[in-house]
Amino acid sequence: MGLSTHVLDTMHGCPAAGMQVAFYRTEGDQATLLAQLVLNADGRTDAPLFDHASLRTGTYRLTFDVAAYFKARGVQLPEPNFLNRVSLDFGVAHADQHYHVPLLVSPWSYSTYRGS
């Protein structure tokens, strides 16, 4: 399966359809943009970020445009926003395993874990 992600909007109790996501490979302080995506109606990417054959060990970053998503949903956010973008830095130690990186988010909090 490789590497995948999805986002759940915990404020509205639904997938975060339309949220913009940037995906990077990181090395130290350097980040190389690999893809920019928009999540589908199920709050997921249309395809894995990496398939099983392409996934490599290393460090990566997913950056979710949280404030823009909630503003597009009509949520009134303070300026500056409490959460603007949420960046998750994570490592892939075993490229032969599936890595799923979900985000549960509201305008005020977020949580993540290594999913299956």
N, C-alpha and C. Protein backbone atom coordinates (compact mmCIF):
# COMPACT_ATOMS: atom_id res chain seq x y z
N MET A 1 0.81 -1.21 0.00
CA MET A 1 0.00 0.00 0.00
C MET A 1 0.85 1.26 0.00
N GLY A 2 1.98 1.29 0.69
CA GLY A 2 2.84 2.47 0.65
C GLY A 2 2.52 3.47 1.74
N LEU A 3 2.17 4.70 1.33
CA LEU A 3 1.93 5.81 2.25
C LEU A 3 0.63 6.50 1.86
N SER A 4 -0.23 6.70 2.86
CA SER A 4 -1.51 7.36 2.59
C SER A 4 -1.86 8.29 3.75
N THR A 5 -2.86 9.15 3.53
CA THR A 5 -3.34 10.08 4.55
C THR A 5 -4.82 10.31 4.36
N HIS A 6 -5.46 10.77 5.40
CA HIS A 6 -6.81 11.30 5.29
C HIS A 6 -7.05 12.25 6.46
N VAL A 7 -8.08 13.10 6.31
CA VAL A 7 -8.37 14.10 7.33
C VAL A 7 -9.84 14.03 7.70
N LEU A 8 -10.09 14.03 9.01
CA LEU A 8 -11.46 14.10 9.52
C LEU A 8 -11.65 15.44 10.21
N ASP A 9 -12.71 16.13 9.84
CA ASP A 9 -13.11 17.41 10.42
C ASP A 9 -13.92 17.09 11.67
N THR A 10 -13.31 17.25 12.84
CA THR A 10 -14.01 16.89 14.08
C THR A 10 -15.00 17.96 14.53
N MET A 11 -14.93 19.16 13.96
CA MET A 11 -15.91 20.19 14.28
C MET A 11 -17.27 19.86 13.68
N HIS A 12 -17.24 19.38 12.43
CA HIS A 12 -18.48 19.09 11.71
C HIS A 12 -18.81 17.60 11.67
N GLY A 13 -17.87 16.77 12.12
CA GLY A 13 -18.10 15.33 12.13
C GLY A 13 -18.15 14.72 10.75
N CYS A 14 -17.20 15.12 9.88
CA CYS A 14 -17.20 14.63 8.50
C CYS A 14 -15.78 14.64 7.93
N PRO A 15 -15.59 13.99 6.78
CA PRO A 15 -14.29 14.08 6.11
C PRO A 15 -14.02 15.53 5.68
N ALA A 16 -12.75 15.90 5.63
CA ALA A 16 -12.35 17.26 5.27
C ALA A 16 -12.18 17.39 3.76
N ALA A 17 -13.28 17.23 3.04
CA ALA A 17 -13.26 17.32 1.58
C ALA A 17 -12.81 18.71 1.14
N GLY A 18 -11.88 18.74 0.19
CA GLY A 18 -11.41 20.00 -0.36
C GLY A 18 -10.22 20.61 0.34
N MET A 19 -9.76 20.01 1.45
CA MET A 19 -8.59 20.57 2.14
C MET A 19 -7.36 20.40 1.26
N GLN A 20 -6.53 21.44 1.24
CA GLN A 20 -5.29 21.39 0.49
C GLN A 20 -4.17 20.83 1.37
N VAL A 21 -3.33 20.00 0.75
CA VAL A 21 -2.24 19.33 1.46
C VAL A 21 -0.97 19.43 0.61
N ALA A 22 0.14 19.70 1.27
CA ALA A 22 1.44 19.66 0.61
C ALA A 22 2.24 18.51 1.23
N PHE A 23 2.97 17.80 0.40
CA PHE A 23 3.74 16.63 0.82
C PHE A 23 5.21 16.84 0.47
N TYR A 24 6.09 16.68 1.46
CA TYR A 24 7.51 16.94 1.31
C TYR A 24 8.34 15.75 1.77
N ARG A 25 9.53 15.62 1.20
CA ARG A 25 10.57 14.76 1.76
C ARG A 25 11.49 15.71 2.50
N THR A 26 11.93 15.34 3.70
CA THR A 26 12.79 16.23 4.48
C THR A 26 14.14 15.57 4.74
N GLU A 27 15.15 16.41 4.81
CA GLU A 27 16.50 16.00 5.20
C GLU A 27 17.08 17.14 6.01
N GLY A 28 17.15 16.94 7.34
CA GLY A 28 17.58 18.03 8.21
C GLY A 28 16.59 19.18 8.12
N ASP A 29 17.10 20.38 7.84
CA ASP A 29 16.23 21.56 7.71
C ASP A 29 15.71 21.75 6.29
N GLN A 30 16.12 20.91 5.37
CA GLN A 30 15.70 21.02 3.97
C GLN A 30 14.40 20.25 3.74
N ALA A 31 13.48 20.85 3.01
CA ALA A 31 12.24 20.18 2.63
C ALA A 31 12.04 20.31 1.13
N THR A 32 11.84 19.19 0.46
CA THR A 32 11.63 19.18 -0.98
C THR A 32 10.17 18.82 -1.25
N LEU A 33 9.46 19.72 -1.92
CA LEU A 33 8.06 19.49 -2.23
C LEU A 33 7.93 18.34 -3.23
N LEU A 34 7.14 17.34 -2.86
CA LEU A 34 6.89 16.19 -3.74
C LEU A 34 5.53 16.29 -4.44
N ALA A 35 4.54 16.87 -3.75
CA ALA A 35 3.20 16.96 -4.33
C ALA A 35 2.36 17.96 -3.57
N GLN A 36 1.43 18.57 -4.29
CA GLN A 36 0.37 19.38 -3.70
C GLN A 36 -0.94 18.75 -4.13
N LEU A 37 -1.85 18.56 -3.18
CA LEU A 37 -3.08 17.83 -3.47
C LEU A 37 -4.27 18.50 -2.82
N VAL A 38 -5.45 18.09 -3.28
CA VAL A 38 -6.70 18.49 -2.67
C VAL A 38 -7.43 17.21 -2.30
N LEU A 39 -7.88 17.12 -1.05
CA LEU A 39 -8.54 15.90 -0.59
C LEU A 39 -9.91 15.73 -1.24
N ASN A 40 -10.26 14.50 -1.53
CA ASN A 40 -11.52 14.19 -2.21
C ASN A 40 -12.70 14.21 -1.22
N ALA A 41 -13.87 13.81 -1.67
CA ALA A 41 -15.09 13.86 -0.86
C ALA A 41 -14.99 13.00 0.40
N ASP A 42 -14.10 12.03 0.39
CA ASP A 42 -13.91 11.16 1.56
C ASP A 42 -12.77 11.67 2.46
N GLY A 43 -12.24 12.87 2.17
CA GLY A 43 -11.14 13.43 2.95
C GLY A 43 -9.82 12.73 2.73
N ARG A 44 -9.70 12.06 1.59
CA ARG A 44 -8.49 11.28 1.26
C ARG A 44 -7.90 11.76 -0.05
N THR A 45 -6.67 11.32 -0.31
CA THR A 45 -6.08 11.56 -1.62
C THR A 45 -6.67 10.51 -2.58
N ASP A 46 -6.70 10.83 -3.86
CA ASP A 46 -7.27 9.90 -4.84
C ASP A 46 -6.40 8.67 -5.04
N ALA A 47 -5.12 8.81 -4.73
CA ALA A 47 -4.18 7.69 -4.84
C ALA A 47 -3.21 7.80 -3.67
N PRO A 48 -2.52 6.71 -3.33
CA PRO A 48 -1.53 6.81 -2.24
C PRO A 48 -0.47 7.85 -2.57
N LEU A 49 0.09 8.46 -1.55
CA LEU A 49 1.19 9.40 -1.75
C LEU A 49 2.40 8.69 -2.34
N PHE A 50 2.64 7.47 -1.87
CA PHE A 50 3.62 6.57 -2.46
C PHE A 50 2.97 5.19 -2.52
N ASP A 51 3.17 4.49 -3.62
CA ASP A 51 2.74 3.10 -3.63
C ASP A 51 3.82 2.27 -2.95
N HIS A 52 3.56 1.00 -2.74
CA HIS A 52 4.48 0.14 -2.01
C HIS A 52 5.87 0.10 -2.65
N ALA A 53 5.93 0.09 -3.97
CA ALA A 53 7.21 -0.01 -4.67
C ALA A 53 8.02 1.28 -4.59
N SER A 54 7.36 2.43 -4.39
CA SER A 54 8.04 3.73 -4.40
C SER A 54 8.45 4.22 -3.03
N LEU A 55 7.84 3.70 -1.97
CA LEU A 55 8.12 4.18 -0.62
C LEU A 55 9.56 3.86 -0.22
N ARG A 56 10.24 4.85 0.34
CA ARG A 56 11.63 4.70 0.79
C ARG A 56 11.72 5.11 2.26
N THR A 57 12.69 4.53 2.96
CA THR A 57 12.94 4.98 4.33
C THR A 57 13.38 6.44 4.29
N GLY A 58 13.09 7.16 5.35
CA GLY A 58 13.47 8.56 5.42
C GLY A 58 12.44 9.36 6.19
N THR A 59 12.58 10.68 6.11
CA THR A 59 11.69 11.57 6.83
C THR A 59 10.86 12.40 5.85
N TYR A 60 9.62 12.65 6.25
CA TYR A 60 8.65 13.31 5.39
C TYR A 60 7.85 14.33 6.20
N ARG A 61 7.14 15.19 5.48
CA ARG A 61 6.26 16.18 6.10
C ARG A 61 4.97 16.29 5.29
N LEU A 62 3.86 16.30 5.99
CA LEU A 62 2.57 16.62 5.41
C LEU A 62 2.12 17.95 6.03
N THR A 63 1.73 18.90 5.18
CA THR A 63 1.26 20.20 5.67
C THR A 63 -0.17 20.39 5.19
N PHE A 64 -1.08 20.53 6.14
CA PHE A 64 -2.51 20.63 5.89
C PHE A 64 -2.95 22.09 6.06
N ASP A 65 -3.65 22.66 5.07
CA ASP A 65 -4.10 24.05 5.12
C ASP A 65 -5.43 24.13 5.87
N VAL A 66 -5.33 24.06 7.18
CA VAL A 66 -6.48 23.95 8.07
C VAL A 66 -7.35 25.21 8.06
N ALA A 67 -6.74 26.38 8.23
CA ALA A 67 -7.53 27.63 8.31
C ALA A 67 -8.30 27.88 7.02
N ALA A 68 -7.66 27.70 5.88
CA ALA A 68 -8.35 27.92 4.60
C ALA A 68 -9.54 26.97 4.46
N TYR A 69 -9.38 25.73 4.90
CA TYR A 69 -10.47 24.77 4.83
C TYR A 69 -11.66 25.24 5.68
N PHE A 70 -11.40 25.61 6.94
CA PHE A 70 -12.52 26.01 7.81
C PHE A 70 -13.14 27.32 7.35
N LYS A 71 -12.35 28.25 6.85
CA LYS A 71 -12.91 29.50 6.31
C LYS A 71 -13.82 29.20 5.13
N ALA A 72 -13.41 28.27 4.27
CA ALA A 72 -14.24 27.89 3.11
C ALA A 72 -15.54 27.24 3.56
N ARG A 73 -15.55 26.64 4.74
CA ARG A 73 -16.77 26.04 5.31
C ARG A 73 -17.64 27.07 6.01
N GLY A 74 -17.18 28.33 6.04
CA GLY A 74 -17.96 29.39 6.66
C GLY A 74 -17.72 29.58 8.14
N VAL A 75 -16.69 28.95 8.67
CA VAL A 75 -16.38 29.10 10.09
C VAL A 75 -15.69 30.45 10.30
N GLN A 76 -16.17 31.22 11.25
CA GLN A 76 -15.56 32.51 11.58
C GLN A 76 -14.38 32.25 12.51
N LEU A 77 -13.19 32.55 12.02
CA LEU A 77 -11.96 32.33 12.77
C LEU A 77 -11.39 33.66 13.22
N PRO A 78 -10.75 33.69 14.38
CA PRO A 78 -10.11 34.94 14.82
C PRO A 78 -8.88 35.21 13.97
N GLU A 79 -8.46 36.45 13.94
CA GLU A 79 -7.21 36.82 13.26
C GLU A 79 -6.21 37.26 14.31
N PRO A 80 -5.06 36.70 14.38
CA PRO A 80 -4.63 35.57 13.56
C PRO A 80 -5.34 34.28 13.98
N ASN A 81 -5.36 33.33 13.07
CA ASN A 81 -5.98 32.03 13.34
C ASN A 81 -5.20 31.31 14.42
N PHE A 82 -5.90 30.53 15.23
CA PHE A 82 -5.19 29.70 16.22
C PHE A 82 -4.36 28.65 15.50
N LEU A 83 -4.98 27.91 14.57
CA LEU A 83 -4.24 26.99 13.70
C LEU A 83 -4.36 27.51 12.28
N ASN A 84 -3.24 27.69 11.62
CA ASN A 84 -3.24 28.10 10.22
C ASN A 84 -2.98 26.88 9.35
N ARG A 85 -1.76 26.39 9.41
CA ARG A 85 -1.40 25.14 8.74
C ARG A 85 -0.87 24.18 9.80
N VAL A 86 -1.20 22.93 9.65
CA VAL A 86 -0.69 21.90 10.54
C VAL A 86 0.33 21.08 9.76
N SER A 87 1.55 21.05 10.26
CA SER A 87 2.62 20.26 9.63
C SER A 87 2.94 19.06 10.52
N LEU A 88 2.95 17.90 9.90
CA LEU A 88 3.30 16.68 10.60
C LEU A 88 4.59 16.14 10.00
N ASP A 89 5.64 16.10 10.81
CA ASP A 89 6.90 15.51 10.40
C ASP A 89 6.94 14.09 10.94
N PHE A 90 7.26 13.14 10.09
CA PHE A 90 7.25 11.74 10.50
C PHE A 90 8.32 10.98 9.74
N GLY A 91 8.68 9.83 10.29
CA GLY A 91 9.71 9.00 9.67
C GLY A 91 9.16 7.67 9.21
N VAL A 92 9.72 7.19 8.12
CA VAL A 92 9.42 5.86 7.59
C VAL A 92 10.66 5.01 7.83
N ALA A 93 10.56 4.09 8.77
CA ALA A 93 11.70 3.24 9.11
C ALA A 93 11.68 1.92 8.34
N HIS A 94 10.49 1.49 7.93
CA HIS A 94 10.33 0.19 7.28
C HIS A 94 9.54 0.38 5.98
N ALA A 95 10.24 0.57 4.89
CA ALA A 95 9.59 0.86 3.61
C ALA A 95 8.75 -0.30 3.10
N ASP A 96 8.90 -1.48 3.68
CA ASP A 96 8.10 -2.62 3.26
C ASP A 96 6.74 -2.68 3.97
N GLN A 97 6.49 -1.75 4.89
CA GLN A 97 5.22 -1.69 5.61
C GLN A 97 4.36 -0.55 5.09
N HIS A 98 3.08 -0.62 5.37
CA HIS A 98 2.17 0.48 5.01
C HIS A 98 2.21 1.55 6.10
N TYR A 99 2.29 2.80 5.70
CA TYR A 99 2.21 3.93 6.63
C TYR A 99 0.98 4.75 6.26
N HIS A 100 0.10 4.94 7.24
CA HIS A 100 -1.09 5.77 7.05
C HIS A 100 -1.02 6.87 8.10
N VAL A 101 -1.12 8.13 7.66
CA VAL A 101 -0.96 9.26 8.55
C VAL A 101 -2.26 10.08 8.53
N PRO A 102 -3.20 9.76 9.43
CA PRO A 102 -4.44 10.51 9.48
C PRO A 102 -4.32 11.77 10.35
N LEU A 103 -5.19 12.72 10.09
CA LEU A 103 -5.27 13.94 10.89
C LEU A 103 -6.73 14.13 11.30
N LEU A 104 -6.96 14.32 12.58
CA LEU A 104 -8.27 14.69 13.11
C LEU A 104 -8.12 16.14 13.54
N VAL A 105 -8.98 17.04 13.01
CA VAL A 105 -8.71 18.46 13.21
C VAL A 105 -9.99 19.27 13.39
N SER A 106 -9.88 20.31 14.20
CA SER A 106 -10.88 21.36 14.35
C SER A 106 -10.12 22.68 14.25
N PRO A 107 -10.78 23.81 14.31
CA PRO A 107 -10.02 25.08 14.30
C PRO A 107 -9.15 25.28 15.54
N TRP A 108 -9.35 24.44 16.58
CA TRP A 108 -8.69 24.66 17.86
C TRP A 108 -7.77 23.53 18.28
N SER A 109 -7.81 22.39 17.60
CA SER A 109 -6.99 21.26 18.04
C SER A 109 -6.78 20.28 16.90
N TYR A 110 -5.77 19.42 17.08
CA TYR A 110 -5.57 18.33 16.13
C TYR A 110 -4.91 17.15 16.82
N SER A 111 -5.04 16.00 16.18
CA SER A 111 -4.45 14.78 16.67
C SER A 111 -4.06 13.92 15.47
N THR A 112 -3.03 13.14 15.64
CA THR A 112 -2.60 12.24 14.59
C THR A 112 -2.08 10.95 15.22
N TYR A 113 -1.87 9.96 14.40
CA TYR A 113 -1.34 8.68 14.85
C TYR A 113 -0.90 7.91 13.62
N ARG A 114 -0.19 6.82 13.83
CA ARG A 114 0.13 5.95 12.70
C ARG A 114 -1.02 4.96 12.55
N GLY A 115 -1.75 5.11 11.49
CA GLY A 115 -2.91 4.27 11.24
C GLY A 115 -2.52 3.01 10.48
N SER A 116 -3.53 2.27 10.11
CA SER A 116 -3.30 1.02 9.38
C SER A 116 -3.86 1.10 7.97
